[in-house]
Amino acid sequence: MQLLNILPILIVLLIQGEAGYANTVKPVNTITNFGCAGCVPNYYAAGCVKWGPTGPRSTDVSLIMAPWNPRKSAYDCSLADPEYYRASCCAENFYVTNVLTVTIWKAKCRNIDGSEIKGY
């Protein structure tokens, strides 16, 4: 077959392949490519929060250290377990490697813009 005969078929296949990702829904608070040190005073530890109660109490949240994205030179929660998509900056590394109560999370961590965490 000639290239001109194959080209329309290849274009259709390529478009169909991309369509599989077109309706991928990201949660509202999904943040990619963020940093805490130097951006959020006193809250240098970058973490990703599991959205939804975890742990022994229904008021617990689970945090993990945010994975580093070398391409963007920033942290990126989309590279972590999909359940851990909310970005958070915490006062110490301890807080981004443990299960915390929502009260402690709100007291020891901030949103990546430095604002207090209001709602869960």
PDB file of N, CA and C in Angstrom:
ATOM      1  N   MET A   1       0.834  -1.190   0.000  1.00  0.00           N
ATOM      2  CA  MET A   1       0.000   0.000   0.000  1.00  0.00           C
ATOM      3  C   MET A   1       0.873   1.245   0.000  1.00  0.00           C
ATOM      4  N   GLN A   2       0.328   2.249  -0.572  1.00  0.00           N
ATOM      5  CA  GLN A   2       1.057   3.502  -0.610  1.00  0.00           C
ATOM      6  C   GLN A   2       0.806   4.285   0.673  1.00  0.00           C
ATOM      7  N   LEU A   3       1.730   5.169   0.968  1.00  0.00           N
ATOM      8  CA  LEU A   3       1.637   5.979   2.178  1.00  0.00           C
ATOM      9  C   LEU A   3       0.355   6.799   2.220  1.00  0.00           C
ATOM     10  N   LEU A   4      -0.063   7.327   1.092  1.00  0.00           N
ATOM     11  CA  LEU A   4      -1.273   8.148   1.065  1.00  0.00           C
ATOM     12  C   LEU A   4      -2.524   7.333   1.380  1.00  0.00           C
ATOM     13  N   ASN A   5      -2.510   6.046   1.107  1.00  0.00           N
ATOM     14  CA  ASN A   5      -3.648   5.190   1.437  1.00  0.00           C
ATOM     15  C   ASN A   5      -3.669   4.851   2.926  1.00  0.00           C
ATOM     16  N   ILE A   6      -2.508   4.749   3.539  1.00  0.00           N
ATOM     17  CA  ILE A   6      -2.405   4.372   4.951  1.00  0.00           C
ATOM     18  C   ILE A   6      -2.596   5.567   5.878  1.00  0.00           C
ATOM     19  N   LEU A   7      -2.238   6.746   5.417  1.00  0.00           N
ATOM     20  CA  LEU A   7      -2.265   7.940   6.258  1.00  0.00           C
ATOM     21  C   LEU A   7      -3.626   8.204   6.913  1.00  0.00           C
ATOM     22  N   PRO A   8      -4.745   8.167   6.186  1.00  0.00           N
ATOM     23  CA  PRO A   8      -6.036   8.404   6.852  1.00  0.00           C
ATOM     24  C   PRO A   8      -6.344   7.368   7.940  1.00  0.00           C
ATOM     25  N   ILE A   9      -5.944   6.144   7.712  1.00  0.00           N
ATOM     26  CA  ILE A   9      -6.173   5.090   8.706  1.00  0.00           C
ATOM     27  C   ILE A   9      -5.349   5.364   9.958  1.00  0.00           C
ATOM     28  N   LEU A  10      -4.101   5.748   9.782  1.00  0.00           N
ATOM     29  CA  LEU A  10      -3.242   6.059  10.924  1.00  0.00           C
ATOM     30  C   LEU A  10      -3.777   7.246  11.724  1.00  0.00           C
ATOM     31  N   ILE A  11      -4.289   8.251  11.039  1.00  0.00           N
ATOM     32  CA  ILE A  11      -4.849   9.420  11.724  1.00  0.00           C
ATOM     33  C   ILE A  11      -6.054   9.014  12.565  1.00  0.00           C
ATOM     34  N   VAL A  12      -6.928   8.199  12.017  1.00  0.00           N
ATOM     35  CA  VAL A  12      -8.101   7.732  12.760  1.00  0.00           C
ATOM     36  C   VAL A  12      -7.675   6.947  13.995  1.00  0.00           C
ATOM     37  N   LEU A  13      -6.712   6.062  13.852  1.00  0.00           N
ATOM     38  CA  LEU A  13      -6.236   5.276  14.991  1.00  0.00           C
ATOM     39  C   LEU A  13      -5.608   6.164  16.055  1.00  0.00           C
ATOM     40  N   LEU A  14      -4.866   7.154  15.641  1.00  0.00           N
ATOM     41  CA  LEU A  14      -4.237   8.066  16.582  1.00  0.00           C
ATOM     42  C   LEU A  14      -5.285   8.865  17.348  1.00  0.00           C
ATOM     43  N   ILE A  15      -6.285   9.360  16.650  1.00  0.00           N
ATOM     44  CA  ILE A  15      -7.343  10.137  17.301  1.00  0.00           C
ATOM     45  C   ILE A  15      -8.119   9.262  18.280  1.00  0.00           C
ATOM     46  N   GLN A  16      -8.416   8.042  17.907  1.00  0.00           N
ATOM     47  CA  GLN A  16      -9.127   7.143  18.811  1.00  0.00           C
ATOM     48  C   GLN A  16      -8.300   6.832  20.046  1.00  0.00           C
ATOM     49  N   GLY A  17      -7.015   6.682  19.888  1.00  0.00           N
ATOM     50  CA  GLY A  17      -6.142   6.426  21.030  1.00  0.00           C
ATOM     51  C   GLY A  17      -6.142   7.577  22.012  1.00  0.00           C
ATOM     52  N   GLU A  18      -6.115   8.798  21.520  1.00  0.00           N
ATOM     53  CA  GLU A  18      -6.139   9.979  22.388  1.00  0.00           C
ATOM     54  C   GLU A  18      -7.513  10.170  23.025  1.00  0.00           C
ATOM     55  N   ALA A  19      -8.567   9.744  22.367  1.00  0.00           N
ATOM     56  CA  ALA A  19      -9.914   9.917  22.905  1.00  0.00           C
ATOM     57  C   ALA A  19     -10.104   9.158  24.206  1.00  0.00           C
ATOM     58  N   GLY A  20      -9.359   8.109  24.396  1.00  0.00           N
ATOM     59  CA  GLY A  20      -9.453   7.359  25.643  1.00  0.00           C
ATOM     60  C   GLY A  20      -9.053   8.173  26.855  1.00  0.00           C
ATOM     61  N   TYR A  21      -8.253   9.204  26.654  1.00  0.00           N
ATOM     62  CA  TYR A  21      -7.802  10.046  27.760  1.00  0.00           C
ATOM     63  C   TYR A  21      -8.590  11.347  27.862  1.00  0.00           C
ATOM     64  N   ALA A  22      -9.428  11.635  26.903  1.00  0.00           N
ATOM     65  CA  ALA A  22     -10.129  12.914  26.862  1.00  0.00           C
ATOM     66  C   ALA A  22     -11.089  13.101  28.023  1.00  0.00           C
ATOM     67  N   ASN A  23     -11.714  12.035  28.484  1.00  0.00           N
ATOM     68  CA  ASN A  23     -12.697  12.162  29.552  1.00  0.00           C
ATOM     69  C   ASN A  23     -12.157  11.734  30.910  1.00  0.00           C
ATOM     70  N   THR A  24     -10.852  11.678  31.045  1.00  0.00           N
ATOM     71  CA  THR A  24     -10.267  11.334  32.331  1.00  0.00           C
ATOM     72  C   THR A  24     -10.521  12.481  33.294  1.00  0.00           C
ATOM     73  N   VAL A  25     -11.203  12.193  34.384  1.00  0.00           N
ATOM     74  CA  VAL A  25     -11.573  13.233  35.342  1.00  0.00           C
ATOM     75  C   VAL A  25     -10.546  13.279  36.457  1.00  0.00           C
ATOM     76  N   LYS A  26      -9.995  14.458  36.691  1.00  0.00           N
ATOM     77  CA  LYS A  26      -9.102  14.665  37.822  1.00  0.00           C
ATOM     78  C   LYS A  26      -9.915  15.324  38.921  1.00  0.00           C
ATOM     79  N   PRO A  27      -9.708  14.929  40.165  1.00  0.00           N
ATOM     80  CA  PRO A  27     -10.388  15.613  41.256  1.00  0.00           C
ATOM     81  C   PRO A  27     -10.029  17.097  41.252  1.00  0.00           C
ATOM     82  N   VAL A  28     -10.935  17.899  41.779  1.00  0.00           N
ATOM     83  CA  VAL A  28     -10.796  19.350  41.741  1.00  0.00           C
ATOM     84  C   VAL A  28      -9.497  19.836  42.365  1.00  0.00           C
ATOM     85  N   ASN A  29      -9.090  19.271  43.491  1.00  0.00           N
ATOM     86  CA  ASN A  29      -7.907  19.751  44.198  1.00  0.00           C
ATOM     87  C   ASN A  29      -6.614  19.090  43.739  1.00  0.00           C
ATOM     88  N   THR A  30      -6.622  18.436  42.601  1.00  0.00           N
ATOM     89  CA  THR A  30      -5.402  17.814  42.111  1.00  0.00           C
ATOM     90  C   THR A  30      -4.439  18.908  41.664  1.00  0.00           C
ATOM     91  N   ILE A  31      -3.274  18.918  42.262  1.00  0.00           N
ATOM     92  CA  ILE A  31      -2.255  19.903  41.919  1.00  0.00           C
ATOM     93  C   ILE A  31      -1.025  19.147  41.443  1.00  0.00           C
ATOM     94  N   THR A  32      -0.492  19.562  40.325  1.00  0.00           N
ATOM     95  CA  THR A  32       0.754  18.977  39.871  1.00  0.00           C
ATOM     96  C   THR A  32       1.800  20.075  39.832  1.00  0.00           C
ATOM     97  N   ASN A  33       3.035  19.669  40.004  1.00  0.00           N
ATOM     98  CA  ASN A  33       4.162  20.582  39.906  1.00  0.00           C
ATOM     99  C   ASN A  33       4.080  21.722  40.920  1.00  0.00           C
ATOM    100  N   PHE A  34       4.349  21.381  42.161  1.00  0.00           N
ATOM    101  CA  PHE A  34       4.326  22.379  43.223  1.00  0.00           C
ATOM    102  C   PHE A  34       5.568  22.237  44.081  1.00  0.00           C
ATOM    103  N   GLY A  35       5.811  23.237  44.896  1.00  0.00           N
ATOM    104  CA  GLY A  35       6.915  23.217  45.841  1.00  0.00           C
ATOM    105  C   GLY A  35       6.483  23.882  47.127  1.00  0.00           C
ATOM    106  N   CYS A  36       7.123  23.537  48.220  1.00  0.00           N
ATOM    107  CA  CYS A  36       6.776  24.117  49.517  1.00  0.00           C
ATOM    108  C   CYS A  36       7.928  24.951  50.081  1.00  0.00           C
ATOM    109  N   ALA A  37       9.135  24.382  50.082  1.00  0.00           N
ATOM    110  CA  ALA A  37      10.296  25.076  50.644  1.00  0.00           C
ATOM    111  C   ALA A  37      10.545  26.358  49.857  1.00  0.00           C
ATOM    112  N   GLY A  38      10.591  27.465  50.559  1.00  0.00           N
ATOM    113  CA  GLY A  38      10.800  28.749  49.907  1.00  0.00           C
ATOM    114  C   GLY A  38       9.534  29.373  49.365  1.00  0.00           C
ATOM    115  N   CYS A  39       8.443  28.621  49.330  1.00  0.00           N
ATOM    116  CA  CYS A  39       7.169  29.135  48.813  1.00  0.00           C
ATOM    117  C   CYS A  39       6.148  29.341  49.925  1.00  0.00           C
ATOM    118  N   VAL A  40       6.134  28.440  50.884  1.00  0.00           N
ATOM    119  CA  VAL A  40       5.201  28.513  52.007  1.00  0.00           C
ATOM    120  C   VAL A  40       6.041  28.606  53.281  1.00  0.00           C
ATOM    121  N   PRO A  41       6.192  29.811  53.838  1.00  0.00           N
ATOM    122  CA  PRO A  41       7.046  29.991  55.020  1.00  0.00           C
ATOM    123  C   PRO A  41       6.647  29.063  56.169  1.00  0.00           C
ATOM    124  N   ASN A  42       7.642  28.408  56.751  1.00  0.00           N
ATOM    125  CA  ASN A  42       7.491  27.507  57.899  1.00  0.00           C
ATOM    126  C   ASN A  42       6.805  26.181  57.578  1.00  0.00           C
ATOM    127  N   TYR A  43       6.489  25.932  56.328  1.00  0.00           N
ATOM    128  CA  TYR A  43       5.851  24.676  55.920  1.00  0.00           C
ATOM    129  C   TYR A  43       6.591  24.146  54.694  1.00  0.00           C
ATOM    130  N   TYR A  44       7.734  23.511  54.941  1.00  0.00           N
ATOM    131  CA  TYR A  44       8.641  23.132  53.856  1.00  0.00           C
ATOM    132  C   TYR A  44       8.425  21.726  53.308  1.00  0.00           C
ATOM    133  N   ALA A  45       7.748  20.858  54.051  1.00  0.00           N
ATOM    134  CA  ALA A  45       7.623  19.449  53.659  1.00  0.00           C
ATOM    135  C   ALA A  45       6.443  19.256  52.702  1.00  0.00           C
ATOM    136  N   ALA A  46       6.731  18.745  51.507  1.00  0.00           N
ATOM    137  CA  ALA A  46       5.697  18.540  50.490  1.00  0.00           C
ATOM    138  C   ALA A  46       5.078  17.159  50.654  1.00  0.00           C
ATOM    139  N   GLY A  47       3.754  17.122  50.711  1.00  0.00           N
ATOM    140  CA  GLY A  47       3.065  15.851  50.872  1.00  0.00           C
ATOM    141  C   GLY A  47       1.819  15.756  50.025  1.00  0.00           C
ATOM    142  N   CYS A  48       1.321  14.536  49.914  1.00  0.00           N
ATOM    143  CA  CYS A  48       0.081  14.262  49.200  1.00  0.00           C
ATOM    144  C   CYS A  48      -0.879  13.609  50.188  1.00  0.00           C
ATOM    145  N   VAL A  49      -2.097  14.093  50.202  1.00  0.00           N
ATOM    146  CA  VAL A  49      -3.092  13.662  51.183  1.00  0.00           C
ATOM    147  C   VAL A  49      -4.110  12.752  50.519  1.00  0.00           C
ATOM    148  N   LYS A  50      -4.425  11.659  51.209  1.00  0.00           N
ATOM    149  CA  LYS A  50      -5.477  10.756  50.728  1.00  0.00           C
ATOM    150  C   LYS A  50      -6.810  11.406  51.024  1.00  0.00           C
ATOM    151  N   TRP A  51      -7.599  11.575  49.981  1.00  0.00           N
ATOM    152  CA  TRP A  51      -8.887  12.252  50.103  1.00  0.00           C
ATOM    153  C   TRP A  51      -9.920  11.278  50.631  1.00  0.00           C
ATOM    154  N   GLY A  52     -10.267  11.411  51.880  1.00  0.00           N
ATOM    155  CA  GLY A  52     -11.236  10.527  52.518  1.00  0.00           C
ATOM    156  C   GLY A  52     -10.685  10.010  53.819  1.00  0.00           C
ATOM    157  N   PRO A  53     -11.543   9.762  54.776  1.00  0.00           N
ATOM    158  CA  PRO A  53     -11.091   9.304  56.093  1.00  0.00           C
ATOM    159  C   PRO A  53     -10.332   7.984  56.007  1.00  0.00           C
ATOM    160  N   THR A  54      -9.239   7.905  56.758  1.00  0.00           N
ATOM    161  CA  THR A  54      -8.451   6.676  56.831  1.00  0.00           C
ATOM    162  C   THR A  54      -7.998   6.490  58.263  1.00  0.00           C
ATOM    163  N   GLY A  55      -7.464   5.340  58.560  1.00  0.00           N
ATOM    164  CA  GLY A  55      -6.934   5.106  59.898  1.00  0.00           C
ATOM    165  C   GLY A  55      -7.987   4.598  60.858  1.00  0.00           C
ATOM    166  N   PRO A  56      -7.620   4.514  62.141  1.00  0.00           N
ATOM    167  CA  PRO A  56      -8.524   3.931  63.127  1.00  0.00           C
ATOM    168  C   PRO A  56      -9.760   4.784  63.418  1.00  0.00           C
ATOM    169  N   ARG A  57      -9.661   6.094  63.182  1.00  0.00           N
ATOM    170  CA  ARG A  57     -10.806   6.977  63.438  1.00  0.00           C
ATOM    171  C   ARG A  57     -11.312   7.542  62.115  1.00  0.00           C
ATOM    172  N   SER A  58     -12.570   7.882  62.075  1.00  0.00           N
ATOM    173  CA  SER A  58     -13.133   8.427  60.835  1.00  0.00           C
ATOM    174  C   SER A  58     -12.619   9.835  60.557  1.00  0.00           C
ATOM    175  N   THR A  59     -11.932  10.431  61.529  1.00  0.00           N
ATOM    176  CA  THR A  59     -11.391  11.779  61.336  1.00  0.00           C
ATOM    177  C   THR A  59      -9.899  11.757  61.013  1.00  0.00           C
ATOM    178  N   ASP A  60      -9.382  10.625  60.562  1.00  0.00           N
ATOM    179  CA  ASP A  60      -7.969  10.510  60.218  1.00  0.00           C
ATOM    180  C   ASP A  60      -7.754  10.721  58.719  1.00  0.00           C
ATOM    181  N   VAL A  61      -6.607  11.309  58.387  1.00  0.00           N
ATOM    182  CA  VAL A  61      -6.189  11.433  56.992  1.00  0.00           C
ATOM    183  C   VAL A  61      -4.795  10.828  56.868  1.00  0.00           C
ATOM    184  N   SER A  62      -4.497  10.302  55.715  1.00  0.00           N
ATOM    185  CA  SER A  62      -3.202   9.679  55.468  1.00  0.00           C
ATOM    186  C   SER A  62      -2.397  10.565  54.526  1.00  0.00           C
ATOM    187  N   LEU A  63      -1.125  10.768  54.855  1.00  0.00           N
ATOM    188  CA  LEU A  63      -0.238  11.565  54.021  1.00  0.00           C
ATOM    189  C   LEU A  63       0.976  10.752  53.611  1.00  0.00           C
ATOM    190  N   ILE A  64       1.484  11.056  52.434  1.00  0.00           N
ATOM    191  CA  ILE A  64       2.744  10.474  51.970  1.00  0.00           C
ATOM    192  C   ILE A  64       3.613  11.618  51.450  1.00  0.00           C
ATOM    193  N   MET A  65       4.921  11.380  51.421  1.00  0.00           N
ATOM    194  CA  MET A  65       5.812  12.381  50.823  1.00  0.00           C
ATOM    195  C   MET A  65       5.490  12.497  49.341  1.00  0.00           C
ATOM    196  N   ALA A  66       5.439  13.714  48.863  1.00  0.00           N
ATOM    197  CA  ALA A  66       5.125  13.934  47.451  1.00  0.00           C
ATOM    198  C   ALA A  66       6.268  13.446  46.567  1.00  0.00           C
ATOM    199  N   PRO A  67       5.946  12.728  45.497  1.00  0.00           N
ATOM    200  CA  PRO A  67       6.988  12.285  44.572  1.00  0.00           C
ATOM    201  C   PRO A  67       7.568  13.467  43.786  1.00  0.00           C
ATOM    202  N   TRP A  68       8.827  13.374  43.479  1.00  0.00           N
ATOM    203  CA  TRP A  68       9.525  14.411  42.724  1.00  0.00           C
ATOM    204  C   TRP A  68       9.386  14.138  41.233  1.00  0.00           C
ATOM    205  N   ASN A  69       9.053  15.166  40.470  1.00  0.00           N
ATOM    206  CA  ASN A  69       8.977  15.063  39.016  1.00  0.00           C
ATOM    207  C   ASN A  69      10.240  15.702  38.435  1.00  0.00           C
ATOM    208  N   PRO A  70      11.209  14.891  37.997  1.00  0.00           N
ATOM    209  CA  PRO A  70      12.469  15.458  37.507  1.00  0.00           C
ATOM    210  C   PRO A  70      12.313  16.291  36.236  1.00  0.00           C
ATOM    211  N   ARG A  71      11.300  16.006  35.447  1.00  0.00           N
ATOM    212  CA  ARG A  71      11.087  16.788  34.217  1.00  0.00           C
ATOM    213  C   ARG A  71      10.682  18.224  34.528  1.00  0.00           C
ATOM    214  N   LYS A  72       9.902  18.389  35.590  1.00  0.00           N
ATOM    215  CA  LYS A  72       9.400  19.716  35.951  1.00  0.00           C
ATOM    216  C   LYS A  72      10.185  20.342  37.101  1.00  0.00           C
ATOM    217  N   SER A  73      11.074  19.570  37.712  1.00  0.00           N
ATOM    218  CA  SER A  73      11.824  20.012  38.898  1.00  0.00           C
ATOM    219  C   SER A  73      10.872  20.517  39.975  1.00  0.00           C
ATOM    220  N   ALA A  74       9.863  19.720  40.239  1.00  0.00           N
ATOM    221  CA  ALA A  74       8.850  20.066  41.241  1.00  0.00           C
ATOM    222  C   ALA A  74       8.200  18.781  41.756  1.00  0.00           C
ATOM    223  N   TYR A  75       7.457  18.906  42.854  1.00  0.00           N
ATOM    224  CA  TYR A  75       6.703  17.773  43.376  1.00  0.00           C
ATOM    225  C   TYR A  75       5.426  17.611  42.564  1.00  0.00           C
ATOM    226  N   ASP A  76       4.921  16.379  42.518  1.00  0.00           N
ATOM    227  CA  ASP A  76       3.768  16.098  41.670  1.00  0.00           C
ATOM    228  C   ASP A  76       2.965  14.941  42.261  1.00  0.00           C
ATOM    229  N   CYS A  77       1.808  15.242  42.847  1.00  0.00           N
ATOM    230  CA  CYS A  77       0.974  14.205  43.464  1.00  0.00           C
ATOM    231  C   CYS A  77       0.352  13.270  42.431  1.00  0.00           C
ATOM    232  N   SER A  78       0.307  13.671  41.175  1.00  0.00           N
ATOM    233  CA  SER A  78      -0.255  12.779  40.158  1.00  0.00           C
ATOM    234  C   SER A  78       0.662  11.584  39.892  1.00  0.00           C
ATOM    235  N   LEU A  79       1.900  11.638  40.375  1.00  0.00           N
ATOM    236  CA  LEU A  79       2.819  10.514  40.229  1.00  0.00           C
ATOM    237  C   LEU A  79       2.692   9.519  41.377  1.00  0.00           C
ATOM    238  N   ALA A  80       1.909   9.865  42.391  1.00  0.00           N
ATOM    239  CA  ALA A  80       1.728   9.002  43.565  1.00  0.00           C
ATOM    240  C   ALA A  80       0.539   8.068  43.348  1.00  0.00           C
ATOM    241  N   ASP A  81       0.252   7.274  44.356  1.00  0.00           N
ATOM    242  CA  ASP A  81      -0.961   6.459  44.380  1.00  0.00           C
ATOM    243  C   ASP A  81      -2.142   7.382  44.069  1.00  0.00           C
ATOM    244  N   PRO A  82      -3.042   7.005  43.169  1.00  0.00           N
ATOM    245  CA  PRO A  82      -4.144   7.888  42.776  1.00  0.00           C
ATOM    246  C   PRO A  82      -5.020   8.375  43.927  1.00  0.00           C
ATOM    247  N   GLU A  83      -5.035   7.662  45.039  1.00  0.00           N
ATOM    248  CA  GLU A  83      -5.845   8.116  46.171  1.00  0.00           C
ATOM    249  C   GLU A  83      -5.219   9.316  46.878  1.00  0.00           C
ATOM    250  N   TYR A  84      -3.930   9.518  46.685  1.00  0.00           N
ATOM    251  CA  TYR A  84      -3.209  10.608  47.346  1.00  0.00           C
ATOM    252  C   TYR A  84      -2.996  11.752  46.362  1.00  0.00           C
ATOM    253  N   TYR A  85      -4.049  12.509  46.090  1.00  0.00           N
ATOM    254  CA  TYR A  85      -3.918  13.528  45.058  1.00  0.00           C
ATOM    255  C   TYR A  85      -3.956  14.957  45.562  1.00  0.00           C
ATOM    256  N   ARG A  86      -4.317  15.178  46.815  1.00  0.00           N
ATOM    257  CA  ARG A  86      -4.370  16.555  47.307  1.00  0.00           C
ATOM    258  C   ARG A  86      -2.998  16.979  47.822  1.00  0.00           C
ATOM    259  N   ALA A  87      -2.449  18.044  47.270  1.00  0.00           N
ATOM    260  CA  ALA A  87      -1.135  18.551  47.669  1.00  0.00           C
ATOM    261  C   ALA A  87      -1.255  19.338  48.967  1.00  0.00           C
ATOM    262  N   SER A  88      -0.220  19.211  49.800  1.00  0.00           N
ATOM    263  CA  SER A  88      -0.212  19.895  51.087  1.00  0.00           C
ATOM    264  C   SER A  88       1.228  20.185  51.485  1.00  0.00           C
ATOM    265  N   CYS A  89       1.452  21.311  52.145  1.00  0.00           N
ATOM    266  CA  CYS A  89       2.772  21.669  52.672  1.00  0.00           C
ATOM    267  C   CYS A  89       2.695  21.610  54.191  1.00  0.00           C
ATOM    268  N   CYS A  90       3.610  20.860  54.803  1.00  0.00           N
ATOM    269  CA  CYS A  90       3.557  20.650  56.251  1.00  0.00           C
ATOM    270  C   CYS A  90       4.809  21.192  56.937  1.00  0.00           C
ATOM    271  N   ALA A  91       4.695  21.365  58.261  1.00  0.00           N
ATOM    272  CA  ALA A  91       5.760  21.972  59.056  1.00  0.00           C
ATOM    273  C   ALA A  91       6.993  21.081  59.171  1.00  0.00           C
ATOM    274  N   GLU A  92       6.822  19.771  59.139  1.00  0.00           N
ATOM    275  CA  GLU A  92       7.947  18.842  59.276  1.00  0.00           C
ATOM    276  C   GLU A  92       7.679  17.596  58.436  1.00  0.00           C
ATOM    277  N   ASN A  93       8.753  16.881  58.106  1.00  0.00           N
ATOM    278  CA  ASN A  93       8.611  15.637  57.336  1.00  0.00           C
ATOM    279  C   ASN A  93       7.765  14.603  58.066  1.00  0.00           C
ATOM    280  N   PHE A  94       7.767  14.633  59.396  1.00  0.00           N
ATOM    281  CA  PHE A  94       6.964  13.696  60.183  1.00  0.00           C
ATOM    282  C   PHE A  94       5.504  13.725  59.743  1.00  0.00           C
ATOM    283  N   TYR A  95       4.991  14.911  59.470  1.00  0.00           N
ATOM    284  CA  TYR A  95       3.571  15.053  59.150  1.00  0.00           C
ATOM    285  C   TYR A  95       3.212  14.545  57.758  1.00  0.00           C
ATOM    286  N   VAL A  96       4.187  14.420  56.866  1.00  0.00           N
ATOM    287  CA  VAL A  96       3.877  13.920  55.521  1.00  0.00           C
ATOM    288  C   VAL A  96       4.192  12.437  55.371  1.00  0.00           C
ATOM    289  N   THR A  97       4.420  11.765  56.475  1.00  0.00           N
ATOM    290  CA  THR A  97       4.702  10.325  56.418  1.00  0.00           C
ATOM    291  C   THR A  97       3.850   9.540  57.402  1.00  0.00           C
ATOM    292  N   ASN A  98       2.752  10.121  57.862  1.00  0.00           N
ATOM    293  CA  ASN A  98       1.941   9.469  58.887  1.00  0.00           C
ATOM    294  C   ASN A  98       0.454   9.668  58.657  1.00  0.00           C
ATOM    295  N   VAL A  99      -0.314   8.933  59.432  1.00  0.00           N
ATOM    296  CA  VAL A  99      -1.756   9.137  59.499  1.00  0.00           C
ATOM    297  C   VAL A  99      -1.992  10.169  60.595  1.00  0.00           C
ATOM    298  N   LEU A 100      -2.750  11.218  60.271  1.00  0.00           N
ATOM    299  CA  LEU A 100      -3.018  12.301  61.214  1.00  0.00           C
ATOM    300  C   LEU A 100      -4.515  12.491  61.375  1.00  0.00           C
ATOM    301  N   THR A 101      -4.908  13.088  62.482  1.00  0.00           N
ATOM    302  CA  THR A 101      -6.300  13.512  62.592  1.00  0.00           C
ATOM    303  C   THR A 101      -6.462  14.742  61.706  1.00  0.00           C
ATOM    304  N   VAL A 102      -7.666  15.013  61.280  1.00  0.00           N
ATOM    305  CA  VAL A 102      -7.916  16.191  60.450  1.00  0.00           C
ATOM    306  C   VAL A 102      -7.502  17.450  61.209  1.00  0.00           C
ATOM    307  N   THR A 103      -7.738  17.475  62.519  1.00  0.00           N
ATOM    308  CA  THR A 103      -7.381  18.634  63.341  1.00  0.00           C
ATOM    309  C   THR A 103      -5.876  18.899  63.300  1.00  0.00           C
ATOM    310  N   ILE A 104      -5.059  17.856  63.461  1.00  0.00           N
ATOM    311  CA  ILE A 104      -3.603  18.028  63.418  1.00  0.00           C
ATOM    312  C   ILE A 104      -3.160  18.403  62.007  1.00  0.00           C
ATOM    313  N   TRP A 105      -3.738  17.781  61.000  1.00  0.00           N
ATOM    314  CA  TRP A 105      -3.400  18.112  59.616  1.00  0.00           C
ATOM    315  C   TRP A 105      -3.658  19.591  59.342  1.00  0.00           C
ATOM    316  N   LYS A 106      -4.808  20.101  59.777  1.00  0.00           N
ATOM    317  CA  LYS A 106      -5.129  21.513  59.562  1.00  0.00           C
ATOM    318  C   LYS A 106      -4.200  22.433  60.349  1.00  0.00           C
ATOM    319  N   ALA A 107      -3.738  21.972  61.523  1.00  0.00           N
ATOM    320  CA  ALA A 107      -2.862  22.800  62.357  1.00  0.00           C
ATOM    321  C   ALA A 107      -1.413  22.788  61.870  1.00  0.00           C
ATOM    322  N   LYS A 108      -0.940  21.660  61.366  1.00  0.00           N
ATOM    323  CA  LYS A 108       0.480  21.503  61.025  1.00  0.00           C
ATOM    324  C   LYS A 108       0.780  21.591  59.531  1.00  0.00           C
ATOM    325  N   CYS A 109      -0.252  21.729  58.721  1.00  0.00           N
ATOM    326  CA  CYS A 109      -0.055  21.784  57.270  1.00  0.00           C
ATOM    327  C   CYS A 109      -0.843  22.955  56.681  1.00  0.00           C
ATOM    328  N   ARG A 110      -0.503  23.312  55.460  1.00  0.00           N
ATOM    329  CA  ARG A 110      -1.165  24.397  54.745  1.00  0.00           C
ATOM    330  C   ARG A 110      -1.418  23.969  53.303  1.00  0.00           C
ATOM    331  N   ASN A 111      -2.311  24.708  52.645  1.00  0.00           N
ATOM    332  CA  ASN A 111      -2.476  24.546  51.204  1.00  0.00           C
ATOM    333  C   ASN A 111      -1.197  25.040  50.539  1.00  0.00           C
ATOM    334  N   ILE A 112      -0.970  24.674  49.303  1.00  0.00           N
ATOM    335  CA  ILE A 112       0.296  25.031  48.659  1.00  0.00           C
ATOM    336  C   ILE A 112       0.424  26.526  48.379  1.00  0.00           C
ATOM    337  N   ASP A 113      -0.657  27.269  48.509  1.00  0.00           N
ATOM    338  CA  ASP A 113      -0.562  28.726  48.373  1.00  0.00           C
ATOM    339  C   ASP A 113      -0.301  29.401  49.716  1.00  0.00           C
ATOM    340  N   GLY A 114      -0.146  28.589  50.782  1.00  0.00           N
ATOM    341  CA  GLY A 114       0.136  29.115  52.114  1.00  0.00           C
ATOM    342  C   GLY A 114      -1.096  29.368  52.959  1.00  0.00           C
ATOM    343  N   SER A 115      -2.273  29.235  52.373  1.00  0.00           N
ATOM    344  CA  SER A 115      -3.506  29.482  53.127  1.00  0.00           C
ATOM    345  C   SER A 115      -3.821  28.307  54.049  1.00  0.00           C
ATOM    346  N   GLU A 116      -4.592  28.601  55.090  1.00  0.00           N
ATOM    347  CA  GLU A 116      -4.998  27.548  56.022  1.00  0.00           C
ATOM    348  C   GLU A 116      -5.931  26.568  55.328  1.00  0.00           C
ATOM    349  N   ILE A 117      -5.869  25.329  55.774  1.00  0.00           N
ATOM    350  CA  ILE A 117      -6.764  24.302  55.245  1.00  0.00           C
ATOM    351  C   ILE A 117      -8.102  24.483  55.943  1.00  0.00           C
ATOM    352  N   LYS A 118      -9.109  24.834  55.190  1.00  0.00           N
ATOM    353  CA  LYS A 118     -10.434  25.108  55.771  1.00  0.00           C
ATOM    354  C   LYS A 118     -11.302  23.863  55.781  1.00  0.00           C
ATOM    355  N   GLY A 119     -11.508  23.289  54.631  1.00  0.00           N
ATOM    356  CA  GLY A 119     -12.398  22.141  54.530  1.00  0.00           C
ATOM    357  C   GLY A 119     -11.661  20.902  54.109  1.00  0.00           C
ATOM    358  N   TYR A 120     -12.294  19.799  54.332  1.00  0.00           N
ATOM    359  CA  TYR A 120     -11.699  18.536  53.940  1.00  0.00           C
ATOM    360  C   TYR A 120     -12.447  18.036  52.760  1.00  0.00           C
TER     361      TYR A 120
END
